[in-house]
Protein backbone atom coordinates (compact mmCIF):
# COMPACT_ATOMS: atom_id res chain seq x y z
CA UNK A 1 -55.49 -44.58 -35.54
CA UNK A 2 -54.25 -42.16 -32.92
CA UNK A 3 -51.78 -43.55 -30.46
CA UNK A 4 -53.32 -44.50 -27.15
CA UNK A 5 -52.03 -42.78 -24.02
CA UNK A 6 -52.06 -43.81 -20.43
CA UNK A 7 -52.19 -41.66 -17.32
CA UNK A 8 -49.83 -42.29 -14.44
CA UNK A 9 -49.26 -40.46 -11.17
CA UNK A 10 -45.84 -39.06 -10.32
CA UNK A 11 -44.37 -40.90 -7.36
CA UNK A 12 -43.03 -37.63 -5.92
CA UNK A 13 -45.60 -34.88 -6.54
CA UNK A 14 -48.65 -36.99 -7.53
CA UNK A 15 -49.06 -35.05 -10.78
CA UNK A 16 -51.02 -36.75 -13.58
CA UNK A 17 -48.81 -37.63 -16.52
CA UNK A 18 -50.09 -38.70 -19.93
CA UNK A 19 -47.53 -40.89 -21.58
CA UNK A 20 -47.58 -43.47 -24.35
CA UNK A 21 -47.38 -47.02 -23.08
CA UNK A 22 -43.97 -48.58 -23.03
CA UNK A 23 -43.19 -51.31 -25.51
CA UNK A 24 -40.73 -53.01 -23.20
CA UNK A 25 -40.25 -53.04 -19.42
CA UNK A 26 -37.75 -50.68 -17.82
CA UNK A 27 -38.71 -47.48 -19.62
CA UNK A 28 -38.87 -44.30 -17.58
CA UNK A 29 -40.32 -40.86 -18.05
CA UNK A 30 -39.38 -37.68 -16.21
CA UNK A 31 -42.06 -35.56 -14.59
CA UNK A 32 -42.06 -32.04 -16.14
CA UNK A 33 -43.12 -30.55 -12.81
CA UNK A 34 -40.65 -31.98 -10.31
CA UNK A 35 -38.21 -33.82 -12.58
CA UNK A 36 -38.66 -37.23 -10.91
CA UNK A 37 -38.11 -40.29 -13.09
CA UNK A 38 -41.20 -42.56 -13.14
CA UNK A 39 -41.54 -46.10 -14.45
CA UNK A 40 -43.79 -46.43 -17.54
CA UNK A 41 -45.79 -49.66 -17.45
CA UNK A 42 -46.15 -51.88 -20.46
CA UNK A 43 -49.56 -51.69 -22.14
CA UNK A 44 -51.62 -54.85 -21.72
CA UNK A 45 -54.57 -55.78 -23.94
CA UNK A 46 -57.76 -55.48 -22.00
CA UNK A 47 -61.46 -55.15 -22.80
CA UNK A 48 -63.19 -51.85 -23.21
CA UNK A 49 -65.23 -52.14 -20.04
CA UNK A 50 -62.57 -53.77 -17.91
CA UNK A 51 -60.72 -51.70 -15.38
CA UNK A 52 -56.91 -51.71 -15.24
CA UNK A 53 -55.27 -53.98 -12.75
CA UNK A 54 -52.90 -51.26 -11.48
CA UNK A 55 -54.78 -48.58 -9.46
CA UNK A 56 -52.17 -45.93 -10.41
CA UNK A 57 -52.79 -46.50 -14.11
CA UNK A 58 -55.98 -45.41 -15.79
CA UNK A 59 -56.47 -45.93 -19.51
CA UNK A 60 -57.23 -42.74 -21.32
CA UNK A 61 -60.63 -42.87 -22.89
CA UNK A 62 -60.89 -41.70 -26.43
CA UNK A 63 -62.55 -38.38 -26.55
CA UNK A 64 -64.94 -38.93 -29.54
CA UNK A 65 -67.94 -36.65 -30.09
CA UNK A 66 -71.48 -37.86 -29.45
CA UNK A 67 -73.16 -39.82 -32.27
CA UNK A 68 -74.50 -37.44 -34.85
CA UNK A 69 -77.25 -39.77 -36.08
CA UNK A 70 -79.85 -38.10 -33.87
CA UNK A 71 -78.67 -34.62 -34.76
CA UNK A 72 -78.28 -34.92 -38.53
CA UNK A 73 -81.49 -34.58 -40.53
CA UNK A 74 -82.22 -36.26 -43.83
CA UNK A 75 -81.30 -34.27 -46.86
CA UNK A 76 -82.21 -34.72 -50.47
CA UNK A 77 -78.74 -35.97 -51.19
CA UNK A 78 -78.80 -38.38 -48.31
CA UNK A 79 -81.58 -40.91 -48.16
CA UNK A 80 -83.38 -41.40 -44.91
CA UNK A 81 -82.59 -45.07 -44.66
CA UNK A 82 -78.91 -44.58 -45.41
CA UNK A 83 -76.47 -45.36 -42.69
CA UNK A 84 -74.92 -42.27 -41.09
CA UNK A 85 -71.36 -41.37 -41.80
CA UNK A 86 -68.84 -42.42 -39.22
CA UNK A 87 -68.33 -39.72 -36.63
CA UNK A 88 -65.25 -37.61 -36.98
CA UNK A 89 -62.86 -38.41 -34.17
CA UNK A 90 -60.96 -35.59 -32.53
CA UNK A 91 -57.31 -36.27 -31.97
CA UNK A 92 -56.37 -35.94 -28.34
CA UNK A 93 -53.72 -33.35 -27.61
CA UNK A 94 -50.30 -34.88 -27.67
CA UNK A 95 -48.73 -35.01 -24.23
CA UNK A 96 -45.67 -33.03 -23.38
CA UNK A 97 -42.61 -34.92 -24.57
CA UNK A 98 -40.87 -36.66 -21.73
CA UNK A 99 -37.20 -37.29 -21.41
CA UNK A 100 -36.38 -40.95 -21.37
CA UNK A 101 -34.06 -42.02 -18.61
CA UNK A 102 -32.22 -45.26 -18.81
CA UNK A 103 -32.83 -47.56 -15.91
CA UNK A 104 -29.97 -47.83 -13.42
CA UNK A 105 -28.08 -51.07 -13.34
CA UNK A 106 -29.34 -53.50 -10.82
CA UNK A 107 -27.12 -53.65 -7.73
CA UNK A 108 -24.91 -56.63 -7.38
CA UNK A 109 -25.97 -58.68 -4.39
CA UNK A 110 -23.31 -58.67 -1.73
CA UNK A 111 -22.83 -61.32 0.83
CA UNK A 112 -23.11 -59.89 4.39
CA UNK A 113 -19.93 -60.12 6.42
CA UNK A 114 -20.20 -62.51 9.31
CA UNK A 115 -20.15 -60.88 12.71
CA UNK A 116 -16.97 -61.27 14.68
CA UNK A 117 -17.54 -63.44 17.67
CA UNK A 118 -15.58 -62.81 20.85
CA UNK A 119 -12.65 -65.13 21.45
CA UNK A 120 -13.31 -68.17 23.46
CA UNK A 121 -12.23 -67.83 27.10
CA UNK A 122 -10.86 -71.39 27.01
CA UNK A 123 -8.05 -70.62 24.57
CA UNK A 124 -4.51 -71.11 25.76
CA UNK A 125 -3.20 -67.68 24.62
CA UNK A 126 -1.60 -65.48 27.27
CA UNK A 127 -3.38 -62.31 26.02
CA UNK A 128 -6.27 -61.03 28.17
CA UNK A 129 -9.79 -62.13 27.38
CA UNK A 130 -11.74 -59.74 25.18
CA UNK A 131 -14.52 -58.01 27.12
CA UNK A 132 -17.15 -55.81 25.40
CA UNK A 133 -16.86 -52.06 26.17
CA UNK A 134 -13.67 -52.60 28.15
CA UNK A 135 -12.29 -49.28 26.88
CA UNK A 136 -15.31 -47.40 28.21
CA UNK A 137 -15.35 -49.08 31.60
CA UNK A 138 -11.75 -49.83 32.65
CA UNK A 139 -11.12 -52.14 35.49
CA UNK A 140 -10.66 -50.47 38.89
CA UNK A 141 -7.09 -49.96 40.02
CA UNK A 142 -5.67 -52.12 42.73
CA UNK A 143 -4.74 -49.93 45.69
CA UNK A 144 -1.78 -52.17 46.48
CA UNK A 145 -0.14 -51.79 43.05
CA UNK A 146 -1.40 -48.34 41.96
CA UNK A 147 1.05 -45.44 41.70
CA UNK A 148 0.09 -42.25 43.54
CA UNK A 149 0.68 -38.91 41.83
CA UNK A 150 3.01 -36.76 43.99
CA UNK A 151 1.15 -33.60 43.01
CA UNK A 152 -2.57 -34.36 43.19
CA UNK A 153 -2.49 -37.70 45.09
CA UNK A 154 -4.53 -39.34 42.31
CA UNK A 155 -4.08 -43.15 41.91
CA UNK A 156 -2.58 -44.04 38.53
CA UNK A 157 -1.88 -47.21 36.61
CA UNK A 158 1.43 -48.85 37.60
CA UNK A 159 2.66 -48.60 33.99
CA UNK A 160 1.55 -44.97 33.50
CA UNK A 161 4.16 -42.29 32.84
CA UNK A 162 1.98 -39.18 33.16
CA UNK A 163 -0.84 -38.52 35.61
CA UNK A 164 -4.03 -38.17 33.57
CA UNK A 165 -5.55 -35.93 36.23
CA UNK A 166 -2.97 -33.12 36.50
CA UNK A 167 -0.30 -33.88 33.88
CA UNK A 168 2.56 -34.56 36.31
CA UNK A 169 5.48 -36.76 35.30
CA UNK A 170 5.19 -39.64 37.77
CA UNK A 171 8.91 -40.40 37.61
CA UNK A 172 10.34 -36.92 38.15
CA UNK A 173 7.38 -35.22 39.85
CA UNK A 174 7.59 -32.24 37.48
CA UNK A 175 4.35 -31.06 35.94
CA UNK A 176 4.10 -30.66 32.19
CA UNK A 177 3.73 -27.11 30.95
CA UNK A 178 2.40 -26.47 27.45
CA UNK A 179 3.58 -23.25 25.85
CA UNK A 180 1.91 -21.67 22.83
CA UNK A 181 4.09 -19.01 21.26
CA UNK A 182 2.39 -18.99 17.87
CA UNK A 183 0.07 -16.02 18.38
CA UNK A 184 2.44 -13.64 20.12
CA UNK A 185 2.85 -11.53 16.98
CA UNK A 186 -0.91 -10.89 16.97
CA UNK A 187 -0.55 -9.05 20.29
CA UNK A 188 1.37 -6.23 18.62
CA UNK A 189 -1.76 -4.19 17.92
CA UNK A 190 -2.79 -4.46 21.60
CA UNK A 191 0.65 -3.34 22.76
CA UNK A 192 0.68 -0.47 20.27
CA UNK A 193 -2.43 1.02 21.91
CA UNK A 194 -0.53 2.06 25.05
CA UNK A 195 2.98 2.01 23.64
CA UNK A 196 2.19 4.92 21.34
CA UNK A 197 2.02 7.15 24.44
CA UNK A 198 4.80 5.52 26.44
CA UNK A 199 7.24 5.79 23.51
CA UNK A 200 6.85 9.57 23.64
CA UNK A 201 8.34 9.48 27.16
CA UNK A 202 10.80 6.60 26.71
CA UNK A 203 11.97 6.52 23.05
CA UNK A 204 13.75 3.15 23.21
CA UNK A 205 13.49 0.37 25.77
CA UNK A 206 12.94 -3.33 26.41
CA UNK A 207 10.27 -4.25 28.95
CA UNK A 208 7.89 -7.07 29.91
CA UNK A 209 4.19 -6.52 29.46
CA UNK A 210 2.37 -9.81 30.10
CA UNK A 211 2.70 -13.13 31.93
CA UNK A 212 1.26 -16.43 30.74
CA UNK A 213 0.12 -17.52 34.20
CA UNK A 214 -3.47 -18.75 33.87
CA UNK A 215 -5.83 -15.97 34.93
CA UNK A 216 -8.29 -17.61 37.32
CA UNK A 217 -9.18 -14.21 38.75
CA UNK A 218 -9.53 -10.80 37.23
CA UNK A 219 -6.95 -8.21 38.25
CA UNK A 220 -8.97 -5.33 39.71
CA UNK A 221 -6.49 -4.51 42.46
CA UNK A 222 -3.58 -4.20 40.04
CA UNK A 223 -5.61 -1.78 37.92
CA UNK A 224 -6.65 0.16 41.02
CA UNK A 225 -3.06 0.22 42.28
CA UNK A 226 -1.70 1.48 38.95
CA UNK A 227 -4.42 4.12 38.65
CA UNK A 228 -3.91 5.35 42.22
CA UNK A 229 -0.12 5.51 41.79
CA UNK A 230 -0.43 7.44 38.52
CA UNK A 231 -2.80 9.98 40.09
CA UNK A 232 -0.69 10.57 43.22
CA UNK A 233 2.56 10.74 41.26
CA UNK A 234 0.95 13.06 38.71
CA UNK A 235 -0.15 15.51 41.40
CA UNK A 236 3.32 15.37 42.94
CA UNK A 237 5.03 16.05 39.60
CA UNK A 238 2.69 18.97 38.88
CA UNK A 239 3.57 20.51 42.24
CA UNK A 240 7.28 20.17 41.45
CA UNK A 241 6.96 21.62 37.96
CA UNK A 242 5.01 24.63 39.21
CA UNK A 243 7.49 25.38 42.02
CA UNK A 244 10.53 27.51 41.07
CA UNK A 245 13.88 25.81 41.41
CA UNK A 246 15.68 26.84 44.63
CA UNK A 247 18.72 29.05 44.12
CA UNK A 248 20.04 29.33 47.69
CA UNK A 249 20.54 26.95 50.61
CA UNK A 250 17.73 28.60 52.55
CA UNK A 251 15.31 28.04 49.68
CA UNK A 252 16.42 24.39 49.42
CA UNK A 253 15.81 23.84 53.16
CA UNK A 254 12.45 25.55 52.90
CA UNK A 255 11.56 23.37 49.91
CA UNK A 256 12.45 20.24 51.85
CA UNK A 257 10.13 21.31 54.66
CA UNK A 258 7.19 21.93 52.31
CA UNK A 259 4.13 19.67 52.73
CA UNK A 260 4.63 18.11 49.30
CA UNK A 261 8.19 16.94 49.94
CA UNK A 262 7.41 15.59 53.39
CA UNK A 263 5.87 12.46 51.83
CA UNK A 264 9.24 11.34 50.47
CA UNK A 265 11.38 9.01 52.58
CA UNK A 266 13.95 11.27 54.23
CA UNK A 267 16.91 10.00 56.27
CA UNK A 268 18.03 11.53 59.53
CA UNK A 269 15.91 14.02 61.44
CA UNK A 270 13.25 14.47 58.75
CA UNK A 271 12.34 10.77 58.83
CA UNK A 272 8.75 9.92 59.83
CA UNK A 273 7.06 6.55 59.96
CA UNK A 274 4.31 7.29 57.43
CA UNK A 275 6.99 8.02 54.81
CA UNK A 276 7.67 4.27 54.55
CA UNK A 277 4.30 3.93 52.77
CA UNK A 278 3.84 7.30 51.08
CA UNK A 279 7.17 7.17 49.23
CA UNK A 280 5.92 4.08 47.33
CA UNK A 281 3.34 6.14 45.43
CA UNK A 282 5.67 9.02 44.47
CA UNK A 283 7.96 9.10 41.43
CA UNK A 284 10.60 11.53 40.30
CA UNK A 285 9.59 11.76 36.62
CA UNK A 286 7.37 10.44 33.86
CA UNK A 287 9.94 7.88 32.70
CA UNK A 288 10.34 6.59 36.25
CA UNK A 289 6.57 6.30 36.63
CA UNK A 290 5.95 4.65 33.24
CA UNK A 291 8.70 2.06 33.68
CA UNK A 292 7.56 0.99 37.14
CA UNK A 293 3.92 0.67 36.09
CA UNK A 294 4.82 -1.52 33.10
CA UNK A 295 6.74 -3.94 35.35
CA UNK A 296 3.96 -3.88 37.94
CA UNK A 297 1.35 -4.84 35.34
CA UNK A 298 3.51 -7.72 34.04
CA UNK A 299 4.46 -9.35 37.35
CA UNK A 300 1.72 -8.10 39.67
CA UNK A 301 -1.13 -9.87 37.89
CA UNK A 302 0.56 -13.27 38.24
CA UNK A 303 1.27 -12.78 41.96
CA UNK A 304 -2.31 -11.65 42.47
CA UNK A 305 -3.45 -14.98 40.96
CA UNK A 306 -1.50 -16.83 43.67
CA UNK A 307 -2.21 -14.61 46.70
CA UNK A 308 -5.67 -13.24 45.99
CA UNK A 309 -6.70 -10.36 48.23
CA UNK A 310 -3.57 -10.79 50.38
CA UNK A 311 -1.58 -9.30 47.53
CA UNK A 312 -2.16 -5.64 48.64
CA UNK A 313 -0.69 -6.38 52.08
CA UNK A 314 2.27 -8.23 50.56
CA UNK A 315 2.91 -5.37 48.14
CA UNK A 316 2.95 -2.76 50.91
CA UNK A 317 5.09 -4.99 53.15
CA UNK A 318 7.70 -5.36 50.41
CA UNK A 319 7.69 -1.59 49.87
CA UNK A 320 8.14 -0.92 53.59
CA UNK A 321 11.02 -3.40 53.85
CA UNK A 322 12.76 -1.89 50.81
CA UNK A 323 12.23 1.59 52.28
CA UNK A 324 13.80 0.57 55.60
CA UNK A 325 16.79 -0.87 53.77
CA UNK A 326 17.15 2.31 51.76
CA UNK A 327 16.81 4.44 54.89
CA UNK A 328 19.70 2.56 56.51
CA UNK A 329 21.90 2.65 53.41
CA UNK A 330 21.30 6.34 52.60
CA UNK A 331 21.49 7.76 56.14
CA UNK A 332 24.41 10.09 55.53
CA UNK A 333 24.08 13.29 57.59
CA UNK A 334 26.48 15.11 55.31
CA UNK A 335 24.48 14.32 52.18
CA UNK A 336 20.83 13.51 52.99
CA UNK A 337 19.14 12.06 49.89
CA UNK A 338 15.38 11.39 49.92
CA UNK A 339 13.99 8.15 48.57
CA UNK A 340 10.84 7.77 46.47
CA UNK A 341 9.36 5.30 44.02
CA UNK A 342 7.80 1.84 43.92
CA UNK A 343 10.91 0.16 42.50
CA UNK A 344 11.70 -1.68 45.74
CA UNK A 345 8.20 -3.12 46.07
CA UNK A 346 8.08 -4.12 42.39
CA UNK A 347 11.50 -5.78 42.69
CA UNK A 348 10.06 -7.80 45.58
CA UNK A 349 7.10 -8.84 43.43
CA UNK A 350 9.48 -10.02 40.69
CA UNK A 351 11.41 -12.03 43.32
CA UNK A 352 8.20 -13.82 44.31
CA UNK A 353 7.50 -14.51 40.64
CA UNK A 354 10.94 -16.13 40.37
CA UNK A 355 10.04 -18.60 43.13
CA UNK A 356 6.39 -19.30 42.31
CA UNK A 357 6.26 -19.21 38.48
CA UNK A 358 9.79 -19.57 37.06
CA UNK A 359 8.74 -21.72 34.08
CA UNK A 360 5.94 -19.52 32.75
CA UNK A 361 6.71 -17.26 29.84
CA UNK A 362 6.94 -13.50 30.02
CA UNK A 363 6.00 -11.63 26.86
CA UNK A 364 8.56 -8.94 26.11
CA UNK A 365 8.36 -5.93 23.82
CA UNK A 366 11.18 -3.92 22.31
CA UNK A 367 10.31 -0.52 20.87
CA UNK A 368 12.15 2.30 19.19
CA UNK A 369 10.77 5.68 18.20
CA UNK A 370 12.86 8.23 16.34
CA UNK A 371 10.63 11.28 16.87
CA UNK A 372 7.00 11.93 17.61
CA UNK A 373 6.41 12.29 13.85
CA UNK A 374 6.92 8.55 13.27
CA UNK A 375 5.14 5.50 14.61
CA UNK A 376 7.22 3.37 17.00
CA UNK A 377 8.85 0.19 15.78
CA UNK A 378 7.88 -2.69 18.07
CA UNK A 379 8.86 -6.34 18.30
CA UNK A 380 7.21 -8.83 20.66
CA UNK A 381 8.66 -12.16 21.77
CA UNK A 382 8.41 -14.61 24.70
CA UNK A 383 11.09 -15.56 27.24
CA UNK A 384 10.92 -17.95 30.19
CA UNK A 385 10.16 -15.99 33.35
CA UNK A 386 13.23 -16.97 35.38
CA UNK A 387 15.57 -15.57 32.71
CA UNK A 388 13.64 -12.29 32.52
CA UNK A 389 13.88 -11.72 36.28
CA UNK A 390 17.56 -12.62 36.44
CA UNK A 391 18.31 -10.39 33.43
CA UNK A 392 16.96 -7.24 35.07
CA UNK A 393 18.36 -8.12 38.49
CA UNK A 394 21.84 -8.51 37.02
CA UNK A 395 21.86 -4.80 36.11
CA UNK A 396 21.44 -3.84 39.76
CA UNK A 397 24.13 -6.30 40.86
CA UNK A 398 26.52 -5.00 38.19
CA UNK A 399 26.01 -1.38 39.22
CA UNK A 400 26.64 -2.23 42.87
CA UNK A 401 29.82 -4.14 42.02
CA UNK A 402 31.10 -1.30 39.81
CA UNK A 403 30.02 1.30 42.41
CA UNK A 404 28.40 3.43 39.78
CA UNK A 405 27.18 6.88 40.76
CA UNK A 406 23.66 7.98 39.92
CA UNK A 407 20.24 8.78 41.23
CA UNK A 408 19.05 5.13 41.11
CA UNK A 409 19.06 3.22 44.41
CA UNK A 410 20.25 -0.16 43.15
CA UNK A 411 20.75 -1.38 46.71
CA UNK A 412 17.07 -0.78 47.45
CA UNK A 413 16.15 -2.88 44.39
CA UNK A 414 18.32 -5.77 45.58
CA UNK A 415 16.86 -5.51 49.09
CA UNK A 416 13.30 -5.66 47.77
CA UNK A 417 14.15 -8.52 45.42
CA UNK A 418 15.74 -10.53 48.23
CA UNK A 419 12.72 -9.96 50.46
CA UNK A 420 10.43 -11.19 47.69
CA UNK A 421 12.47 -14.36 47.17
CA UNK A 422 12.52 -15.17 50.90
CA UNK A 423 8.81 -14.47 51.26
CA UNK A 424 8.06 -16.66 48.23
CA UNK A 425 9.92 -19.60 49.76
CA UNK A 426 8.12 -19.10 53.08
CA UNK A 427 4.72 -19.15 51.39
CA UNK A 428 5.74 -22.21 49.39
CA UNK A 429 7.09 -24.22 52.31
CA UNK A 430 4.10 -23.44 54.53
CA UNK A 431 1.74 -24.48 51.70
CA UNK A 432 0.05 -21.07 51.85
CA UNK A 433 -0.11 -20.72 48.06
CA UNK A 434 -1.13 -23.07 45.28
CA UNK A 435 1.34 -23.11 42.40
CA UNK A 436 0.01 -26.32 40.77
CA UNK A 437 3.49 -27.84 40.54
CA UNK A 438 5.12 -25.03 38.53
CA UNK A 439 7.23 -23.56 41.38
CA UNK A 440 11.01 -23.37 41.59
CA UNK A 441 11.43 -26.16 44.17
CA UNK A 442 9.45 -28.66 42.09
CA UNK A 443 11.36 -27.65 38.98
CA UNK A 444 14.72 -28.26 40.67
CA UNK A 445 14.05 -31.15 43.09
CA UNK A 446 11.08 -32.91 41.50
CA UNK A 447 9.82 -35.81 43.64
CA UNK A 448 11.95 -34.77 46.58
CA UNK A 449 9.79 -31.69 46.99
CA UNK A 450 6.00 -31.91 46.96
CA UNK A 451 4.10 -28.62 46.85
CA UNK A 452 0.53 -28.14 47.92
CA UNK A 453 -1.71 -30.66 46.18
CA UNK A 454 -4.75 -29.67 44.18
CA UNK A 455 -7.22 -31.81 46.13
CA UNK A 456 -9.89 -29.10 45.89
CA UNK A 457 -9.64 -29.18 42.10
CA UNK A 458 -9.60 -32.95 41.73
CA UNK A 459 -12.44 -33.91 44.05
């Protein structure tokens, strides 16, 4: 007899599967459509007309042809009263072979862990009582025992070492400063974009190019100032290059009285008040112009962060003061020497940086270019700002002590630097700037000096 088959529905895709009944429980068959393993029920003996107990299982009815007794006529060889031959049964198509999957082992019952009950408040231990969600909702600080941060005036826990609001060391009053020097080498491709042109003018040099003071504002004025200075100085240099060099004393006097040269700061009788401002935007050469603009971009952006839109007035005031100092130092009637350049004003800006942001890093770049046929060799590194400012200022002091002769007004640089330092201390003492605890006085004196608090940022 042909093997009986049963039809089951796939538990995943509801496809009808014809499978032979299982001889023992736990047998599985995989659906050829979706691959899901299905349990094969054990065949139970049941009557022909009875329906299966499981609704998902339907016994496959044997597909036998209709009785042929009514269709077969009597023949001479077959008597009329003879019983008809048994009908030929057609074998049902064998189902697609299924892959048997062994049943997974039954999971071992695990005993649930008992929940931890909070400690009893009546215990005699000296440790504090456990309170749910105590870490999310800390107890309010007692105003009588709380420690006040000297920088932001935020109440802190009596046992705290660092203010969680501004990062100030509560014992020393100095604010923590995190420095990340890991990605400075990745800035080389940004520096190379403008250094490829500067190295054609200055083949070898060491200069700052960026400060790590947090940029809360963009630096539009510094860009405008650099662009304006480059344009004015470029027009002045073109006028000099197109004018023939004087050969006689009369030609030299006439050249000094020309409209172009009247904007330089002249001592003696040729001095005029507007020259105190106009000489700031004039430079004597491309190297002079490029060097000053690099220093202005490095230090000027940081000072602009502290002063905001007062920075243009401070910059011009420093340039005027340096010009007056140079006018007094160079007023020699026998040898009148004009003064031009923004070096005095930029030295004043670096002096303010020394007072306001001495702990912030300055990114430096060293470059060397053999000829214009080769790409420049560059190396970038970071140095603390106070050491960078003192390094460049020491050159001016050394030249003054050695009384070196040259066309560089080192005395004007020192005068501008001194004015910047004094002005920085005035702004710091009067609380006119917000340095967030990174200034020179806080670095040196700590708790004994309290700069302007950041109440606007903490409220």
